């Protein structure tokens, strides 16, 4: 579908001063000297101490966003140092930057106030930092590596342990500055729904297929499907308010009435959505509990200068050892669905 309204322009933005950018560059250089894989480094006191030294303006802005997110659930940070960037890859699975690239260490530091990075064994081999760029063979697919409209979705809608937030750091914008990250908050969309729809969306009359990014190589009929779940739910007592869980490419109602309510919710999301066209060194932080996001269509050239983002998943708190690939680690096992 196409968007049903022009995007809203208001958003929360934080622009770093040159001194803040310089300080971040220094912290990244120190982080690069820590030994061991990134997953292990994140658990060390040395890394935690570095994260505590984030520029005050940045750290306080992220903490405020974490504790009292705005209704639109989005924070934009500008002026981040991303290091030297090679040509944009165009084949799936390219890992040209690695864990020690300045942008990898930067997002790990930024994610720390939000709880630290997590990964999933069955998505991009458990990487904690993902590369998002267009791939010719994925152009028409609902994937981050596609280039057609990617409709609204909760990140990792199928998983019981979903990231609390989503981070997207721009290394390089698309040629035409057309590609936009679309975000829409349930706090702003829910009032547009009828009471009957709000009630229906809170029932277990929805299921979600595992996304394509977790099921590469499987035929459509082979992709697993979740147990029934609600699309809208209430947050805990210490963080009240409606939360949302759906993916318009993978979530479906188990009956026509439920499906119609889901489609009306998606139309409401398009009505209230915001579109952000990020430039180099700009970071989008999205509250994955109250916001769904998507991407507009754009035209890649596959010439080494296409749009390139780094994606990461912050998650607060400890993870039980029985859902992890390695005890004490930050990567969820591919068998964690049944145990989480």
Protein backbone atom coordinates (compact mmCIF):
# COMPACT_ATOMS: atom_id res chain seq x y z
CA UNK A 1 0.00 0.00 0.00
CA UNK A 2 1.03 3.64 -0.26
CA UNK A 3 1.05 6.05 2.63
CA UNK A 4 -2.33 7.58 3.40
CA UNK A 5 -1.12 11.00 4.53
CA UNK A 6 1.82 13.34 4.29
CA UNK A 7 4.29 12.58 7.09
CA UNK A 8 4.42 14.79 10.14
CA UNK A 9 7.58 16.85 10.51
CA UNK A 10 7.92 17.32 14.29
CA UNK A 11 10.41 15.07 16.05
CA UNK A 12 12.91 15.04 18.89
CA UNK A 13 16.42 15.86 17.66
CA UNK A 14 19.76 16.20 19.42
CA UNK A 15 22.67 17.81 17.56
CA UNK A 16 26.12 17.25 19.02
CA UNK A 17 28.66 20.03 19.35
CA UNK A 18 32.07 19.56 17.64
CA UNK A 19 33.66 18.95 21.04
CA UNK A 20 31.17 16.13 21.68
CA UNK A 21 32.00 14.54 18.33
CA UNK A 22 35.71 14.76 19.12
CA UNK A 23 35.16 13.15 22.52
CA UNK A 24 33.27 10.29 20.91
CA UNK A 25 36.11 9.71 18.46
CA UNK A 26 38.48 9.38 21.41
CA UNK A 27 36.23 6.91 23.22
CA UNK A 28 35.92 4.79 20.09
CA UNK A 29 39.71 4.70 19.74
CA UNK A 30 40.04 3.47 23.32
CA UNK A 31 37.30 0.87 22.78
CA UNK A 32 39.20 -0.44 19.75
CA UNK A 33 42.08 -1.41 22.04
CA UNK A 34 39.92 -3.76 24.11
CA UNK A 35 40.74 -7.37 23.29
CA UNK A 36 38.34 -10.16 22.39
CA UNK A 37 35.14 -10.35 20.34
CA UNK A 38 32.67 -7.48 20.69
CA UNK A 39 30.15 -9.69 22.50
CA UNK A 40 32.73 -10.35 25.23
CA UNK A 41 34.01 -6.77 25.38
CA UNK A 42 30.48 -5.49 26.04
CA UNK A 43 30.40 -7.44 29.31
CA UNK A 44 33.60 -5.95 30.73
CA UNK A 45 33.92 -3.23 33.35
CA UNK A 46 36.30 -1.40 31.01
CA UNK A 47 33.62 -1.06 28.33
CA UNK A 48 31.01 0.03 30.87
CA UNK A 49 33.41 2.69 32.13
CA UNK A 50 33.88 3.98 28.59
CA UNK A 51 30.12 4.20 28.07
CA UNK A 52 29.82 6.23 31.26
CA UNK A 53 32.14 8.79 29.63
CA UNK A 54 29.81 9.49 26.72
CA UNK A 55 29.36 13.25 26.24
CA UNK A 56 26.89 14.42 28.87
CA UNK A 57 24.53 15.91 26.30
CA UNK A 58 24.34 12.61 24.43
CA UNK A 59 24.13 10.35 27.48
CA UNK A 60 21.45 12.47 29.16
CA UNK A 61 19.46 12.71 25.93
CA UNK A 62 19.45 8.93 25.50
CA UNK A 63 18.58 8.34 29.16
CA UNK A 64 15.69 10.81 28.95
CA UNK A 65 14.43 9.09 25.79
CA UNK A 66 14.71 5.74 27.57
CA UNK A 67 12.88 6.82 30.73
CA UNK A 68 10.26 9.19 29.30
CA UNK A 69 9.96 8.64 25.56
CA UNK A 70 7.98 11.21 23.60
CA UNK A 71 4.63 10.06 22.27
CA UNK A 72 6.12 9.65 18.79
CA UNK A 73 8.80 7.31 20.19
CA UNK A 74 11.72 8.61 18.10
CA UNK A 75 15.02 10.33 18.86
CA UNK A 76 17.32 11.65 16.12
CA UNK A 77 20.98 12.28 17.00
CA UNK A 78 23.13 14.30 14.58
CA UNK A 79 26.89 14.83 14.39
CA UNK A 80 28.14 11.32 15.17
CA UNK A 81 31.59 10.23 13.89
CA UNK A 82 31.35 7.17 11.65
CA UNK A 83 34.95 6.78 10.44
CA UNK A 84 36.17 6.05 6.93
CA UNK A 85 33.52 4.32 4.82
CA UNK A 86 34.42 2.00 1.93
CA UNK A 87 32.17 1.48 -1.07
CA UNK A 88 28.70 0.18 -0.28
CA UNK A 89 28.44 -3.62 -0.74
CA UNK A 90 25.74 -5.08 -2.97
CA UNK A 91 25.80 -8.79 -2.11
CA UNK A 92 23.99 -10.32 0.86
CA UNK A 93 26.15 -11.19 3.85
CA UNK A 94 29.03 -8.85 3.12
CA UNK A 95 30.84 -7.99 6.34
CA UNK A 96 33.35 -5.45 5.13
CA UNK A 97 33.46 -3.36 8.32
CA UNK A 98 33.65 -5.93 11.10
CA UNK A 99 33.38 -5.47 14.85
CA UNK A 100 36.29 -3.07 15.25
CA UNK A 101 35.19 -0.46 12.73
CA UNK A 102 34.55 2.89 14.45
CA UNK A 103 30.84 2.73 13.60
CA UNK A 104 30.51 -0.70 15.26
CA UNK A 105 32.12 0.49 18.47
CA UNK A 106 30.18 3.75 18.37
CA UNK A 107 26.78 2.05 18.29
CA UNK A 108 27.86 -0.33 21.05
CA UNK A 109 28.68 2.66 23.26
CA UNK A 110 25.45 4.45 22.36
CA UNK A 111 23.39 1.33 23.07
CA UNK A 112 24.84 0.93 26.56
CA UNK A 113 22.45 3.37 28.33
CA UNK A 114 19.56 1.48 26.70
CA UNK A 115 20.75 -1.85 28.09
CA UNK A 116 23.36 -3.06 25.61
CA UNK A 117 23.30 -4.89 22.29
CA UNK A 118 21.63 -8.22 21.56
CA UNK A 119 21.70 -10.42 18.48
CA UNK A 120 19.86 -13.48 17.17
CA UNK A 121 21.66 -16.62 16.06
CA UNK A 122 19.24 -17.16 13.16
CA UNK A 123 19.51 -13.60 11.84
CA UNK A 124 22.77 -12.58 10.16
CA UNK A 125 24.60 -15.36 12.05
CA UNK A 126 24.12 -13.64 15.40
CA UNK A 127 25.85 -10.37 14.50
CA UNK A 128 25.37 -7.59 17.05
CA UNK A 129 25.67 -4.85 14.42
CA UNK A 130 23.97 -5.29 11.05
CA UNK A 131 24.69 -3.73 7.68
CA UNK A 132 21.63 -2.42 5.82
CA UNK A 133 22.13 -1.77 2.10
CA UNK A 134 20.25 -2.65 -1.10
CA UNK A 135 20.87 -6.03 -2.73
CA UNK A 136 19.71 -6.58 -6.34
CA UNK A 137 18.20 -10.02 -5.70
CA UNK A 138 16.18 -8.65 -2.75
CA UNK A 139 14.90 -5.51 -4.48
CA UNK A 140 11.20 -6.46 -4.41
CA UNK A 141 11.21 -8.32 -1.08
CA UNK A 142 9.98 -6.96 2.29
CA UNK A 143 13.52 -6.87 3.70
CA UNK A 144 15.94 -4.19 4.83
CA UNK A 145 17.99 -5.17 1.77
CA UNK A 146 15.08 -4.38 -0.55
CA UNK A 147 14.21 -1.08 -2.21
CA UNK A 148 10.41 -1.18 -2.58
CA UNK A 149 8.05 0.08 0.11
CA UNK A 150 8.69 -1.81 3.37
CA UNK A 151 5.48 -1.40 5.34
CA UNK A 152 5.13 -0.85 9.08
CA UNK A 153 6.44 -3.53 11.41
CA UNK A 154 7.60 -4.20 14.93
CA UNK A 155 11.21 -5.33 14.84
CA UNK A 156 11.38 -9.12 15.28
CA UNK A 157 7.62 -9.38 15.75
CA UNK A 158 7.79 -13.17 15.99
CA UNK A 159 10.22 -13.41 18.88
CA UNK A 160 9.26 -13.44 22.59
CA UNK A 161 12.45 -11.47 23.36
CA UNK A 162 12.13 -8.43 21.13
CA UNK A 163 14.55 -5.50 21.32
CA UNK A 164 13.26 -2.63 23.41
CA UNK A 165 14.71 -0.19 20.90
CA UNK A 166 16.00 -0.13 17.35
CA UNK A 167 18.99 1.91 16.24
CA UNK A 168 19.77 2.97 12.66
CA UNK A 169 23.03 4.84 12.03
CA UNK A 170 23.46 6.34 8.57
CA UNK A 171 26.86 5.88 6.95
CA UNK A 172 25.73 7.00 3.50
CA UNK A 173 22.33 8.25 2.24
CA UNK A 174 20.83 7.13 -1.06
CA UNK A 175 21.77 9.03 -4.22
CA UNK A 176 18.47 10.88 -4.58
CA UNK A 177 17.91 11.50 -0.84
CA UNK A 178 14.57 9.77 -1.33
CA UNK A 179 14.78 6.79 1.03
CA UNK A 180 13.00 7.62 4.27
CA UNK A 181 12.61 5.68 7.48
CA UNK A 182 8.92 5.86 8.39
CA UNK A 183 7.92 5.71 12.05
CA UNK A 184 4.46 5.65 13.60
CA UNK A 185 3.48 5.48 17.27
CA UNK A 186 0.57 3.55 18.73
CA UNK A 187 0.15 6.38 21.23
CA UNK A 188 -0.82 8.69 18.37
CA UNK A 189 -2.65 6.14 16.22
CA UNK A 190 -4.80 4.41 18.83
CA UNK A 191 -7.10 7.44 19.41
CA UNK A 192 -8.08 7.20 15.72
CA UNK A 193 -9.53 3.71 16.26
CA UNK A 194 -12.99 2.82 17.47
CA UNK A 195 -13.40 1.32 20.92
CA UNK A 196 -14.46 -1.93 19.25
CA UNK A 197 -11.24 -2.11 17.21
CA UNK A 198 -9.09 -1.30 20.24
CA UNK A 199 -10.74 -4.14 22.13
CA UNK A 200 -10.45 -6.58 19.25
CA UNK A 201 -6.76 -5.82 18.68
CA UNK A 202 -6.12 -6.76 22.33
CA UNK A 203 -7.34 -10.33 21.80
CA UNK A 204 -5.27 -13.38 20.83
CA UNK A 205 -6.68 -13.44 17.31
CA UNK A 206 -3.42 -12.73 15.48
CA UNK A 207 -0.41 -14.76 14.44
CA UNK A 208 2.89 -13.76 12.85
CA UNK A 209 5.07 -15.59 10.37
CA UNK A 210 8.78 -15.56 11.07
CA UNK A 211 10.27 -12.73 8.96
CA UNK A 212 12.24 -13.45 5.82
CA UNK A 213 15.45 -12.24 7.48
CA UNK A 214 15.18 -15.21 9.90
CA UNK A 215 14.06 -17.76 7.32
CA UNK A 216 16.31 -17.28 4.28
CA UNK A 217 16.24 -20.36 2.08
CA UNK A 218 12.81 -21.52 3.28
CA UNK A 219 9.78 -21.64 1.02
CA UNK A 220 6.76 -19.56 2.06
CA UNK A 221 4.89 -22.60 3.37
CA UNK A 222 7.93 -23.65 5.42
CA UNK A 223 8.21 -20.43 7.41
CA UNK A 224 7.17 -20.99 11.05
CA UNK A 225 4.21 -19.13 12.55
CA UNK A 226 3.83 -17.90 16.12
CA UNK A 227 1.18 -18.91 18.57
CA UNK A 228 -1.84 -16.55 18.69
CA UNK A 229 -1.01 -13.16 20.21
CA UNK A 230 -2.58 -9.69 20.60
CA UNK A 231 -1.51 -6.71 18.50
CA UNK A 232 -2.17 -4.15 21.24
CA UNK A 233 -1.33 -4.73 24.89
CA UNK A 234 -0.90 -2.73 28.08
CA UNK A 235 2.56 -1.96 29.42
CA UNK A 236 3.68 -2.89 32.95
CA UNK A 237 2.80 -0.80 35.99
CA UNK A 238 6.15 1.00 35.92
CA UNK A 239 5.75 1.89 32.22
CA UNK A 240 2.01 2.18 31.58
CA UNK A 241 0.42 2.82 28.22
CA UNK A 242 -0.42 0.84 25.11
CA UNK A 243 2.24 -1.22 23.36
CA UNK A 244 2.11 -2.64 19.85
CA UNK A 245 3.20 -5.81 18.08
CA UNK A 246 2.57 -6.39 14.37
CA UNK A 247 4.25 -6.68 10.99
CA UNK A 248 2.05 -5.88 7.99
CA UNK A 249 4.00 -8.34 5.85
CA UNK A 250 3.82 -11.20 8.37
CA UNK A 251 1.07 -10.64 10.96
CA UNK A 252 -2.45 -11.73 10.07
CA UNK A 253 -5.82 -11.98 11.77
CA UNK A 254 -7.12 -15.49 12.34
CA UNK A 255 -10.55 -14.42 11.10
CA UNK A 256 -11.85 -11.71 8.73
CA UNK A 257 -13.00 -9.42 11.53
CA UNK A 258 -9.58 -9.47 13.20
CA UNK A 259 -7.81 -8.91 9.86
CA UNK A 260 -10.00 -5.89 9.08
CA UNK A 261 -9.16 -4.32 12.45
CA UNK A 262 -5.44 -4.83 11.80
CA UNK A 263 -5.73 -3.11 8.43
CA UNK A 264 -7.53 -0.18 10.03
CA UNK A 265 -4.74 0.10 12.60
CA UNK A 266 -2.16 0.19 9.82
CA UNK A 267 -4.08 2.95 8.05
CA UNK A 268 -4.12 4.91 11.31
CA UNK A 269 -0.36 4.41 11.58
CA UNK A 270 0.09 5.85 8.09
CA UNK A 271 -2.04 8.82 9.07
CA UNK A 272 0.19 9.77 12.02
CA UNK A 273 3.56 8.64 10.68
CA UNK A 274 6.75 10.66 10.41
CA UNK A 275 9.38 10.20 7.69
CA UNK A 276 13.08 10.82 8.36
CA UNK A 277 15.72 10.97 5.64
CA UNK A 278 18.95 10.45 7.53
CA UNK A 279 22.32 11.76 6.37
CA UNK A 280 25.85 10.61 7.21
CA UNK A 281 26.48 10.58 10.95
CA UNK A 282 22.80 10.73 11.90
CA UNK A 283 21.29 8.14 14.22
CA UNK A 284 17.64 7.19 14.58
CA UNK A 285 16.61 5.60 17.88
CA UNK A 286 13.13 4.05 17.86
CA UNK A 287 11.19 2.70 20.84
CA UNK A 288 10.25 -0.73 19.47
CA UNK A 289 7.56 -1.23 22.11
CA UNK A 290 5.34 1.66 21.04
CA UNK A 291 6.50 2.38 17.48
CA UNK A 292 6.31 0.50 14.20
CA UNK A 293 8.66 1.51 11.43
CA UNK A 294 9.13 1.00 7.72
CA UNK A 295 11.00 2.37 4.71
CA UNK A 296 9.85 4.23 1.64
CA UNK A 297 10.79 3.01 -1.80
CA UNK A 298 13.94 4.31 -3.49
CA UNK A 299 16.10 3.61 -6.54
CA UNK A 300 19.52 2.06 -5.85
CA UNK A 301 22.24 2.16 -8.48
CA UNK A 302 24.47 -0.65 -7.15
CA UNK A 303 27.50 1.49 -7.91
CA UNK A 304 29.24 1.39 -4.52
CA UNK A 305 27.63 4.63 -3.34
CA UNK A 306 24.18 3.39 -2.33
CA UNK A 307 22.41 3.91 0.98
CA UNK A 308 24.14 2.18 3.89
CA UNK A 309 23.00 2.02 7.50
CA UNK A 310 24.23 0.17 10.59
CA UNK A 311 21.37 -1.43 12.53
CA UNK A 312 21.47 -2.54 16.15
CA UNK A 313 19.15 -3.85 18.85
CA UNK A 314 19.38 -2.54 22.43
CA UNK A 315 17.78 -4.65 25.14
CA UNK A 316 17.58 -3.81 28.88
CA UNK A 317 18.35 -6.22 31.65
CA UNK A 318 19.85 -9.66 31.90
CA UNK A 319 19.10 -12.57 29.58
CA UNK A 320 18.57 -16.06 30.96
CA UNK A 321 21.36 -18.47 30.14
CA UNK A 322 19.01 -21.05 28.63
CA UNK A 323 17.98 -18.71 25.80
CA UNK A 324 21.53 -17.77 24.81
CA UNK A 325 24.07 -19.31 22.47
CA UNK A 326 26.73 -18.76 25.15
CA UNK A 327 26.01 -18.30 28.85
CA UNK A 328 26.69 -14.69 29.78
CA UNK A 329 26.58 -13.62 26.15
CA UNK A 330 24.21 -11.38 24.22
CA UNK A 331 23.14 -13.59 21.29
CA UNK A 332 19.84 -15.44 21.53
CA UNK A 333 19.85 -19.06 20.44
CA UNK A 334 17.84 -20.13 17.40
CA UNK A 335 16.08 -22.51 19.80
CA UNK A 336 15.13 -19.75 22.24
CA UNK A 337 11.55 -19.28 20.97
CA UNK A 338 10.14 -22.12 23.02
CA UNK A 339 12.15 -21.35 26.16
CA UNK A 340 11.91 -17.54 26.38
